PDB file of N, CA and C in Angstrom:
ATOM      1  N   MET A   1      15.578  22.853 -17.433  1.00  0.00           N
ATOM      2  CA  MET A   1      14.399  22.041 -17.298  1.00  0.00           C
ATOM      3  C   MET A   1      14.407  21.400 -15.911  1.00  0.00           C
ATOM      4  N   SER A   2      13.291  21.518 -15.193  1.00  0.00           N
ATOM      5  CA  SER A   2      13.231  20.945 -13.855  1.00  0.00           C
ATOM      6  C   SER A   2      12.829  19.475 -13.922  1.00  0.00           C
ATOM      7  N   LYS A   3      13.324  18.737 -12.963  1.00  0.00           N
ATOM      8  CA  LYS A   3      13.033  17.315 -12.885  1.00  0.00           C
ATOM      9  C   LYS A   3      11.677  17.110 -12.216  1.00  0.00           C
ATOM     10  N   ILE A   4      10.809  16.341 -12.852  1.00  0.00           N
ATOM     11  CA  ILE A   4       9.498  16.059 -12.289  1.00  0.00           C
ATOM     12  C   ILE A   4       9.618  14.837 -11.382  1.00  0.00           C
ATOM     13  N   SER A   5       9.120  14.972 -10.180  1.00  0.00           N
ATOM     14  CA  SER A   5       9.180  13.873  -9.225  1.00  0.00           C
ATOM     15  C   SER A   5       7.865  13.094  -9.279  1.00  0.00           C
ATOM     16  N   ILE A   6       7.978  11.803  -9.524  1.00  0.00           N
ATOM     17  CA  ILE A   6       6.814  10.937  -9.583  1.00  0.00           C
ATOM     18  C   ILE A   6       6.861  10.012  -8.376  1.00  0.00           C
ATOM     19  N   ALA A   7       5.760   9.966  -7.642  1.00  0.00           N
ATOM     20  CA  ALA A   7       5.701   9.078  -6.480  1.00  0.00           C
ATOM     21  C   ALA A   7       5.692   7.632  -6.963  1.00  0.00           C
ATOM     22  N   ALA A   8       6.637   6.873  -6.480  1.00  0.00           N
ATOM     23  CA  ALA A   8       6.731   5.468  -6.866  1.00  0.00           C
ATOM     24  C   ALA A   8       5.935   4.635  -5.871  1.00  0.00           C
ATOM     25  N   ILE A   9       4.846   4.042  -6.341  1.00  0.00           N
ATOM     26  CA  ILE A   9       4.027   3.190  -5.487  1.00  0.00           C
ATOM     27  C   ILE A   9       4.313   1.740  -5.849  1.00  0.00           C
ATOM     28  N   HIS A  10       4.840   1.009  -4.902  1.00  0.00           N
ATOM     29  CA  HIS A  10       5.177  -0.395  -5.115  1.00  0.00           C
ATOM     30  C   HIS A  10       3.883  -1.204  -5.245  1.00  0.00           C
ATOM     31  N   PRO A  11       3.829  -2.134  -6.203  1.00  0.00           N
ATOM     32  CA  PRO A  11       2.616  -2.948  -6.337  1.00  0.00           C
ATOM     33  C   PRO A  11       2.297  -3.771  -5.097  1.00  0.00           C
ATOM     34  N   GLY A  12       3.298  -4.036  -4.282  1.00  0.00           N
ATOM     35  CA  GLY A  12       3.053  -4.738  -3.022  1.00  0.00           C
ATOM     36  C   GLY A  12       2.181  -3.929  -2.083  1.00  0.00           C
ATOM     37  N   GLU A  13       2.321  -2.602  -2.125  1.00  0.00           N
ATOM     38  CA  GLU A  13       1.466  -1.741  -1.305  1.00  0.00           C
ATOM     39  C   GLU A  13       0.018  -1.871  -1.755  1.00  0.00           C
ATOM     40  N   VAL A  14      -0.190  -1.897  -3.051  1.00  0.00           N
ATOM     41  CA  VAL A  14      -1.546  -2.055  -3.587  1.00  0.00           C
ATOM     42  C   VAL A  14      -2.100  -3.430  -3.222  1.00  0.00           C
ATOM     43  N   LEU A  15      -1.296  -4.452  -3.390  1.00  0.00           N
ATOM     44  CA  LEU A  15      -1.727  -5.802  -3.028  1.00  0.00           C
ATOM     45  C   LEU A  15      -2.148  -5.858  -1.561  1.00  0.00           C
ATOM     46  N   ARG A  16      -1.321  -5.296  -0.714  1.00  0.00           N
ATOM     47  CA  ARG A  16      -1.567  -5.320   0.730  1.00  0.00           C
ATOM     48  C   ARG A  16      -2.784  -4.477   1.119  1.00  0.00           C
ATOM     49  N   GLU A  17      -2.794  -3.216   0.662  1.00  0.00           N
ATOM     50  CA  GLU A  17      -3.801  -2.251   1.117  1.00  0.00           C
ATOM     51  C   GLU A  17      -5.160  -2.379   0.415  1.00  0.00           C
ATOM     52  N   GLU A  18      -5.154  -2.821  -0.837  1.00  0.00           N
ATOM     53  CA  GLU A  18      -6.402  -2.879  -1.604  1.00  0.00           C
ATOM     54  C   GLU A  18      -6.990  -4.283  -1.715  1.00  0.00           C
ATOM     55  N   TYR A  19      -6.191  -5.285  -1.403  1.00  0.00           N
ATOM     56  CA  TYR A  19      -6.670  -6.656  -1.563  1.00  0.00           C
ATOM     57  C   TYR A  19      -6.554  -7.467  -0.269  1.00  0.00           C
ATOM     58  N   LEU A  20      -5.345  -7.637   0.239  1.00  0.00           N
ATOM     59  CA  LEU A  20      -5.162  -8.506   1.401  1.00  0.00           C
ATOM     60  C   LEU A  20      -5.909  -7.999   2.636  1.00  0.00           C
ATOM     61  N   LEU A  21      -5.655  -6.766   3.023  1.00  0.00           N
ATOM     62  CA  LEU A  21      -6.274  -6.239   4.248  1.00  0.00           C
ATOM     63  C   LEU A  21      -7.801  -6.154   4.148  1.00  0.00           C
ATOM     64  N   PRO A  22      -8.365  -5.544   3.095  1.00  0.00           N
ATOM     65  CA  PRO A  22      -9.830  -5.459   3.019  1.00  0.00           C
ATOM     66  C   PRO A  22     -10.514  -6.826   2.941  1.00  0.00           C
ATOM     67  N   MET A  23      -9.837  -7.805   2.359  1.00  0.00           N
ATOM     68  CA  MET A  23     -10.429  -9.137   2.211  1.00  0.00           C
ATOM     69  C   MET A  23     -10.077 -10.049   3.392  1.00  0.00           C
ATOM     70  N   ASN A  24      -9.343  -9.476   4.365  1.00  0.00           N
ATOM     71  CA  ASN A  24      -8.881 -10.254   5.526  1.00  0.00           C
ATOM     72  C   ASN A  24      -8.194 -11.537   5.061  1.00  0.00           C
ATOM     73  N   LEU A  25      -7.307 -11.385   4.104  1.00  0.00           N
ATOM     74  CA  LEU A  25      -6.621 -12.501   3.471  1.00  0.00           C
ATOM     75  C   LEU A  25      -5.143 -12.442   3.832  1.00  0.00           C
ATOM     76  N   SER A  26      -4.616 -13.517   4.348  1.00  0.00           N
ATOM     77  CA  SER A  26      -3.193 -13.554   4.691  1.00  0.00           C
ATOM     78  C   SER A  26      -2.369 -13.865   3.451  1.00  0.00           C
ATOM     79  N   ALA A  27      -1.087 -13.581   3.535  1.00  0.00           N
ATOM     80  CA  ALA A  27      -0.179 -13.914   2.440  1.00  0.00           C
ATOM     81  C   ALA A  27      -0.177 -15.414   2.200  1.00  0.00           C
ATOM     82  N   GLY A  28      -0.224 -16.181   3.267  1.00  0.00           N
ATOM     83  CA  GLY A  28      -0.243 -17.634   3.150  1.00  0.00           C
ATOM     84  C   GLY A  28      -1.498 -18.150   2.450  1.00  0.00           C
ATOM     85  N   ALA A  29      -2.628 -17.574   2.811  1.00  0.00           N
ATOM     86  CA  ALA A  29      -3.890 -17.987   2.190  1.00  0.00           C
ATOM     87  C   ALA A  29      -3.899 -17.635   0.701  1.00  0.00           C
ATOM     88  N   LEU A  30      -3.418 -16.436   0.370  1.00  0.00           N
ATOM     89  CA  LEU A  30      -3.352 -16.050  -1.045  1.00  0.00           C
ATOM     90  C   LEU A  30      -2.386 -16.955  -1.796  1.00  0.00           C
ATOM     91  N   ALA A  31      -1.260 -17.254  -1.191  1.00  0.00           N
ATOM     92  CA  ALA A  31      -0.273 -18.129  -1.829  1.00  0.00           C
ATOM     93  C   ALA A  31      -0.878 -19.487  -2.164  1.00  0.00           C
ATOM     94  N   LYS A  32      -1.677 -20.017  -1.265  1.00  0.00           N
ATOM     95  CA  LYS A  32      -2.344 -21.300  -1.535  1.00  0.00           C
ATOM     96  C   LYS A  32      -3.317 -21.171  -2.696  1.00  0.00           C
ATOM     97  N   LEU A  33      -4.056 -20.073  -2.728  1.00  0.00           N
ATOM     98  CA  LEU A  33      -5.035 -19.871  -3.801  1.00  0.00           C
ATOM     99  C   LEU A  33      -4.379 -19.802  -5.178  1.00  0.00           C
ATOM    100  N   VAL A  34      -3.191 -19.187  -5.239  1.00  0.00           N
ATOM    101  CA  VAL A  34      -2.536 -19.003  -6.542  1.00  0.00           C
ATOM    102  C   VAL A  34      -1.398 -19.990  -6.772  1.00  0.00           C
ATOM    103  N   ASN A  35      -1.213 -20.912  -5.824  1.00  0.00           N
ATOM    104  CA  ASN A  35      -0.234 -21.997  -5.971  1.00  0.00           C
ATOM    105  C   ASN A  35       1.206 -21.509  -6.130  1.00  0.00           C
ATOM    106  N   VAL A  36       1.614 -20.641  -5.194  1.00  0.00           N
ATOM    107  CA  VAL A  36       3.005 -20.175  -5.137  1.00  0.00           C
ATOM    108  C   VAL A  36       3.479 -20.281  -3.689  1.00  0.00           C
ATOM    109  N   PRO A  37       4.781 -20.224  -3.466  1.00  0.00           N
ATOM    110  CA  PRO A  37       5.266 -20.237  -2.078  1.00  0.00           C
ATOM    111  C   PRO A  37       4.776 -19.009  -1.298  1.00  0.00           C
ATOM    112  N   ARG A  38       4.458 -19.217  -0.052  1.00  0.00           N
ATOM    113  CA  ARG A  38       3.992 -18.133   0.827  1.00  0.00           C
ATOM    114  C   ARG A  38       4.980 -16.983   0.836  1.00  0.00           C
ATOM    115  N   THR A  39       6.277 -17.313   0.814  1.00  0.00           N
ATOM    116  CA  THR A  39       7.296 -16.272   0.886  1.00  0.00           C
ATOM    117  C   THR A  39       7.246 -15.322  -0.315  1.00  0.00           C
ATOM    118  N   ARG A  40       6.791 -15.818  -1.463  1.00  0.00           N
ATOM    119  CA  ARG A  40       6.694 -14.933  -2.638  1.00  0.00           C
ATOM    120  C   ARG A  40       5.683 -13.822  -2.376  1.00  0.00           C
ATOM    121  N   ILE A  41       4.528 -14.189  -1.870  1.00  0.00           N
ATOM    122  CA  ILE A  41       3.490 -13.187  -1.584  1.00  0.00           C
ATOM    123  C   ILE A  41       3.936 -12.282  -0.439  1.00  0.00           C
ATOM    124  N   GLU A  42       4.551 -12.854   0.577  1.00  0.00           N
ATOM    125  CA  GLU A  42       5.041 -12.034   1.700  1.00  0.00           C
ATOM    126  C   GLU A  42       6.054 -11.004   1.228  1.00  0.00           C
ATOM    127  N   ARG A  43       7.002 -11.406   0.372  1.00  0.00           N
ATOM    128  CA  ARG A  43       8.026 -10.471  -0.117  1.00  0.00           C
ATOM    129  C   ARG A  43       7.423  -9.371  -0.988  1.00  0.00           C
ATOM    130  N   ILE A  44       6.404  -9.709  -1.763  1.00  0.00           N
ATOM    131  CA  ILE A  44       5.742  -8.678  -2.568  1.00  0.00           C
ATOM    132  C   ILE A  44       4.986  -7.721  -1.663  1.00  0.00           C
ATOM    133  N   ALA A  45       4.207  -8.268  -0.735  1.00  0.00           N
ATOM    134  CA  ALA A  45       3.373  -7.445   0.148  1.00  0.00           C
ATOM    135  C   ALA A  45       4.204  -6.543   1.061  1.00  0.00           C
ATOM    136  N   THR A  46       5.434  -6.953   1.376  1.00  0.00           N
ATOM    137  CA  THR A  46       6.307  -6.116   2.207  1.00  0.00           C
ATOM    138  C   THR A  46       7.265  -5.291   1.348  1.00  0.00           C
ATOM    139  N   GLU A  47       7.005  -5.279   0.040  1.00  0.00           N
ATOM    140  CA  GLU A  47       7.736  -4.436  -0.917  1.00  0.00           C
ATOM    141  C   GLU A  47       9.210  -4.774  -1.020  1.00  0.00           C
ATOM    142  N   GLN A  48       9.555  -6.028  -0.799  1.00  0.00           N
ATOM    143  CA  GLN A  48      10.941  -6.485  -0.932  1.00  0.00           C
ATOM    144  C   GLN A  48      11.256  -6.939  -2.346  1.00  0.00           C
ATOM    145  N   THR A  49      10.246  -7.454  -3.042  1.00  0.00           N
ATOM    146  CA  THR A  49      10.419  -7.887  -4.429  1.00  0.00           C
ATOM    147  C   THR A  49       9.244  -7.401  -5.255  1.00  0.00           C
ATOM    148  N   GLY A  50       9.404  -7.503  -6.551  1.00  0.00           N
ATOM    149  CA  GLY A  50       8.370  -7.026  -7.458  1.00  0.00           C
ATOM    150  C   GLY A  50       7.492  -8.141  -8.003  1.00  0.00           C
ATOM    151  N   ILE A  51       6.596  -7.727  -8.865  1.00  0.00           N
ATOM    152  CA  ILE A  51       5.665  -8.633  -9.529  1.00  0.00           C
ATOM    153  C   ILE A  51       6.312  -9.158 -10.807  1.00  0.00           C
ATOM    154  N   THR A  52       6.348 -10.465 -10.965  1.00  0.00           N
ATOM    155  CA  THR A  52       6.838 -11.088 -12.192  1.00  0.00           C
ATOM    156  C   THR A  52       5.643 -11.384 -13.097  1.00  0.00           C
ATOM    157  N   PRO A  53       5.889 -11.644 -14.373  1.00  0.00           N
ATOM    158  CA  PRO A  53       4.769 -12.026 -15.249  1.00  0.00           C
ATOM    159  C   PRO A  53       4.001 -13.240 -14.712  1.00  0.00           C
ATOM    160  N   ASP A  54       4.711 -14.218 -14.171  1.00  0.00           N
ATOM    161  CA  ASP A  54       4.061 -15.396 -13.596  1.00  0.00           C
ATOM    162  C   ASP A  54       3.093 -14.995 -12.481  1.00  0.00           C
ATOM    163  N   THR A  55       3.569 -14.155 -11.587  1.00  0.00           N
ATOM    164  CA  THR A  55       2.730 -13.713 -10.475  1.00  0.00           C
ATOM    165  C   THR A  55       1.588 -12.842 -10.970  1.00  0.00           C
ATOM    166  N   ALA A  56       1.843 -12.004 -11.961  1.00  0.00           N
ATOM    167  CA  ALA A  56       0.790 -11.151 -12.524  1.00  0.00           C
ATOM    168  C   ALA A  56      -0.346 -11.992 -13.098  1.00  0.00           C
ATOM    169  N   LEU A  57       0.004 -13.070 -13.781  1.00  0.00           N
ATOM    170  CA  LEU A  57      -1.030 -13.970 -14.324  1.00  0.00           C
ATOM    171  C   LEU A  57      -1.878 -14.552 -13.201  1.00  0.00           C
ATOM    172  N   ARG A  58      -1.235 -14.968 -12.149  1.00  0.00           N
ATOM    173  CA  ARG A  58      -1.930 -15.602 -11.025  1.00  0.00           C
ATOM    174  C   ARG A  58      -2.796 -14.598 -10.251  1.00  0.00           C
ATOM    175  N   LEU A  59      -2.253 -13.407  -9.991  1.00  0.00           N
ATOM    176  CA  LEU A  59      -3.033 -12.387  -9.275  1.00  0.00           C
ATOM    177  C   LEU A  59      -4.203 -11.904 -10.123  1.00  0.00           C
ATOM    178  N   GLY A  60      -3.970 -11.762 -11.417  1.00  0.00           N
ATOM    179  CA  GLY A  60      -5.052 -11.360 -12.315  1.00  0.00           C
ATOM    180  C   GLY A  60      -6.208 -12.338 -12.264  1.00  0.00           C
ATOM    181  N   LYS A  61      -5.884 -13.602 -12.257  1.00  0.00           N
ATOM    182  CA  LYS A  61      -6.925 -14.643 -12.220  1.00  0.00           C
ATOM    183  C   LYS A  61      -7.672 -14.635 -10.894  1.00  0.00           C
ATOM    184  N   VAL A  62      -6.951 -14.665  -9.782  1.00  0.00           N
ATOM    185  CA  VAL A  62      -7.603 -14.787  -8.476  1.00  0.00           C
ATOM    186  C   VAL A  62      -8.416 -13.541  -8.115  1.00  0.00           C
ATOM    187  N   PHE A  63      -7.963 -12.358  -8.525  1.00  0.00           N
ATOM    188  CA  PHE A  63      -8.658 -11.124  -8.166  1.00  0.00           C
ATOM    189  C   PHE A  63      -9.540 -10.594  -9.296  1.00  0.00           C
ATOM    190  N   ASN A  64      -9.680 -11.370 -10.361  1.00  0.00           N
ATOM    191  CA  ASN A  64     -10.508 -10.970 -11.496  1.00  0.00           C
ATOM    192  C   ASN A  64     -10.082  -9.606 -12.057  1.00  0.00           C
ATOM    193  N   THR A  65      -8.769  -9.437 -12.159  1.00  0.00           N
ATOM    194  CA  THR A  65      -8.202  -8.260 -12.816  1.00  0.00           C
ATOM    195  C   THR A  65      -7.493  -8.795 -14.056  1.00  0.00           C
ATOM    196  N   THR A  66      -6.545  -8.052 -14.571  1.00  0.00           N
ATOM    197  CA  THR A  66      -5.762  -8.554 -15.696  1.00  0.00           C
ATOM    198  C   THR A  66      -4.304  -8.636 -15.278  1.00  0.00           C
ATOM    199  N   PRO A  67      -3.536  -9.504 -15.920  1.00  0.00           N
ATOM    200  CA  PRO A  67      -2.098  -9.513 -15.652  1.00  0.00           C
ATOM    201  C   PRO A  67      -1.468  -8.163 -15.997  1.00  0.00           C
ATOM    202  N   THR A  68      -2.015  -7.518 -17.012  1.00  0.00           N
ATOM    203  CA  THR A  68      -1.500  -6.208 -17.431  1.00  0.00           C
ATOM    204  C   THR A  68      -1.632  -5.173 -16.321  1.00  0.00           C
ATOM    205  N   PHE A  69      -2.704  -5.237 -15.561  1.00  0.00           N
ATOM    206  CA  PHE A  69      -2.896  -4.332 -14.420  1.00  0.00           C
ATOM    207  C   PHE A  69      -1.703  -4.421 -13.475  1.00  0.00           C
ATOM    208  N   TRP A  70      -1.304  -5.645 -13.131  1.00  0.00           N
ATOM    209  CA  TRP A  70      -0.204  -5.861 -12.198  1.00  0.00           C
ATOM    210  C   TRP A  70       1.141  -5.509 -12.822  1.00  0.00           C
ATOM    211  N   MET A  71       1.340  -5.873 -14.091  1.00  0.00           N
ATOM    212  CA  MET A  71       2.613  -5.577 -14.756  1.00  0.00           C
ATOM    213  C   MET A  71       2.780  -4.076 -14.997  1.00  0.00           C
ATOM    214  N   ASN A  72       1.700  -3.383 -15.346  1.00  0.00           N
ATOM    215  CA  ASN A  72       1.789  -1.929 -15.530  1.00  0.00           C
ATOM    216  C   ASN A  72       2.171  -1.242 -14.230  1.00  0.00           C
ATOM    217  N   MET A  73       1.615  -1.725 -13.131  1.00  0.00           N
ATOM    218  CA  MET A  73       1.973  -1.159 -11.832  1.00  0.00           C
ATOM    219  C   MET A  73       3.455  -1.366 -11.540  1.00  0.00           C
ATOM    220  N   GLN A  74       3.947  -2.574 -11.818  1.00  0.00           N
ATOM    221  CA  GLN A  74       5.360  -2.874 -11.581  1.00  0.00           C
ATOM    222  C   GLN A  74       6.246  -2.042 -12.489  1.00  0.00           C
ATOM    223  N   ASN A  75       5.886  -1.950 -13.767  1.00  0.00           N
ATOM    224  CA  ASN A  75       6.686  -1.160 -14.708  1.00  0.00           C
ATOM    225  C   ASN A  75       6.707   0.316 -14.324  1.00  0.00           C
ATOM    226  N   SER A  76       5.570   0.845 -13.909  1.00  0.00           N
ATOM    227  CA  SER A  76       5.504   2.252 -13.487  1.00  0.00           C
ATOM    228  C   SER A  76       6.379   2.487 -12.263  1.00  0.00           C
ATOM    229  N   TYR A  77       6.338   1.558 -11.329  1.00  0.00           N
ATOM    230  CA  TYR A  77       7.171   1.669 -10.128  1.00  0.00           C
ATOM    231  C   TYR A  77       8.653   1.635 -10.496  1.00  0.00           C
ATOM    232  N   ASP A  78       9.032   0.661 -11.323  1.00  0.00           N
ATOM    233  CA  ASP A  78      10.435   0.520 -11.718  1.00  0.00           C
ATOM    234  C   ASP A  78      10.934   1.770 -12.446  1.00  0.00           C
ATOM    235  N   LEU A  79      10.121   2.300 -13.341  1.00  0.00           N
ATOM    236  CA  LEU A  79      10.520   3.492 -14.093  1.00  0.00           C
ATOM    237  C   LEU A  79      10.651   4.714 -13.182  1.00  0.00           C
ATOM    238  N   ALA A  80       9.684   4.917 -12.300  1.00  0.00           N
ATOM    239  CA  ALA A  80       9.751   6.061 -11.377  1.00  0.00           C
ATOM    240  C   ALA A  80      10.962   5.955 -10.460  1.00  0.00           C
ATOM    241  N   LYS A  81      11.234   4.764  -9.985  1.00  0.00           N
ATOM    242  CA  LYS A  81      12.394   4.552  -9.117  1.00  0.00           C
ATOM    243  C   LYS A  81      13.689   4.835  -9.877  1.00  0.00           C
ATOM    244  N   SER A  82      13.773   4.344 -11.098  1.00  0.00           N
ATOM    245  CA  SER A  82      14.967   4.565 -11.912  1.00  0.00           C
ATOM    246  C   SER A  82      15.166   6.039 -12.233  1.00  0.00           C
ATOM    247  N   GLN A  83      14.067   6.748 -12.499  1.00  0.00           N
ATOM    248  CA  GLN A  83      14.179   8.174 -12.810  1.00  0.00           C
ATOM    249  C   GLN A  83      14.756   8.961 -11.642  1.00  0.00           C
ATOM    250  N   SER A  84      14.506   8.492 -10.448  1.00  0.00           N
ATOM    251  CA  SER A  84      15.049   9.200  -9.291  1.00  0.00           C
ATOM    252  C   SER A  84      16.489   8.791  -8.982  1.00  0.00           C
ATOM    253  N   GLU A  85      16.946   7.692  -9.568  1.00  0.00           N
ATOM    254  CA  GLU A  85      18.280   7.175  -9.264  1.00  0.00           C
ATOM    255  C   GLU A  85      19.300   7.368 -10.389  1.00  0.00           C
ATOM    256  N   ILE A  86      18.830   7.549 -11.604  1.00  0.00           N
ATOM    257  CA  ILE A  86      19.739   7.601 -12.749  1.00  0.00           C
ATOM    258  C   ILE A  86      19.778   9.009 -13.319  1.00  0.00           C
ATOM    259  N   ASP A  87      20.985   9.536 -13.472  1.00  0.00           N
ATOM    260  CA  ASP A  87      21.169  10.859 -14.054  1.00  0.00           C
ATOM    261  C   ASP A  87      21.412  10.713 -15.556  1.00  0.00           C
ATOM    262  N   ILE A  88      20.447  11.176 -16.353  1.00  0.00           N
ATOM    263  CA  ILE A  88      20.586  11.107 -17.815  1.00  0.00           C
ATOM    264  C   ILE A  88      20.759  12.496 -18.423  1.00  0.00           C
ATOM    265  N   SER A  89      21.078  13.459 -17.579  1.00  0.00           N
ATOM    266  CA  SER A  89      21.164  14.848 -18.050  1.00  0.00           C
ATOM    267  C   SER A  89      22.277  15.077 -19.068  1.00  0.00           C
ATOM    268  N   SER A  90      23.298  14.242 -19.076  1.00  0.00           N
ATOM    269  CA  SER A  90      24.399  14.443 -20.021  1.00  0.00           C
ATOM    270  C   SER A  90      24.145  13.771 -21.378  1.00  0.00           C
ATOM    271  N   ILE A  91      23.046  13.059 -21.530  1.00  0.00           N
ATOM    272  CA  ILE A  91      22.736  12.398 -22.792  1.00  0.00           C
ATOM    273  C   ILE A  91      22.078  13.383 -23.741  1.00  0.00           C
ATOM    274  N   GLN A  92      22.631  13.463 -24.941  1.00  0.00           N
ATOM    275  CA  GLN A  92      22.114  14.386 -25.959  1.00  0.00           C
ATOM    276  C   GLN A  92      20.968  13.732 -26.737  1.00  0.00           C
ATOM    277  N   THR A  93      20.001  14.543 -27.149  1.00  0.00           N
ATOM    278  CA  THR A  93      18.889  14.073 -27.954  1.00  0.00           C
ATOM    279  C   THR A  93      19.320  14.030 -29.408  1.00  0.00           C
ATOM    280  N   LEU A  94      18.998  12.928 -30.078  1.00  0.00           N
ATOM    281  CA  LEU A  94      19.295  12.808 -31.514  1.00  0.00           C
ATOM    282  C   LEU A  94      18.234  13.533 -32.311  1.00  0.00           C
ATOM    283  N   ASP A  95      18.659  14.171 -33.389  1.00  0.00           N
ATOM    284  CA  ASP A  95      17.706  14.802 -34.306  1.00  0.00           C
ATOM    285  C   ASP A  95      17.288  13.731 -35.309  1.00  0.00           C
ATOM    286  N   THR A  96      16.110  13.188 -35.120  1.00  0.00           N
ATOM    287  CA  THR A  96      15.641  12.121 -35.989  1.00  0.00           C
ATOM    288  C   THR A  96      14.835  12.630 -37.172  1.00  0.00           C
ATOM    289  N   ALA A  97      14.636  13.952 -37.276  1.00  0.00           N
ATOM    290  CA  ALA A  97      13.852  14.502 -38.378  1.00  0.00           C
ATOM    291  C   ALA A  97      14.530  14.262 -39.716  1.00  0.00           C
ATOM    292  N   GLY A  98      15.845  14.273 -39.750  1.00  0.00           N
ATOM    293  CA  GLY A  98      16.561  14.097 -41.017  1.00  0.00           C
ATOM    294  C   GLY A  98      16.890  12.650 -41.307  1.00  0.00           C
ATOM    295  N   ALA A  99      16.571  11.760 -40.417  1.00  0.00           N
ATOM    296  CA  ALA A  99      16.919  10.335 -40.605  1.00  0.00           C
ATOM    297  C   ALA A  99      16.020   9.638 -41.575  1.00  0.00           C
TER     298      ALA A  99
END
């Protein structure tokens, strides 16, 4: 079975490219709007850290999206990254039909 490669897109890239840049909004300005430290938004936008539930709630509110939108992006990124880093080929599948 061949390994499928999934492109991992960091939610910070989406924040930066789809929200901050088109809206001409700085990390500092967004941080003030959502009441978090500027460094939190900067670290997300530069893909150094991920989106937490707290941040997802705040971004969902300010951008009129949902927190789930941001968390799904983070979860998808984390899973794709892990799939490329973790070898699970030696793990056997359980037969759950008889359970």
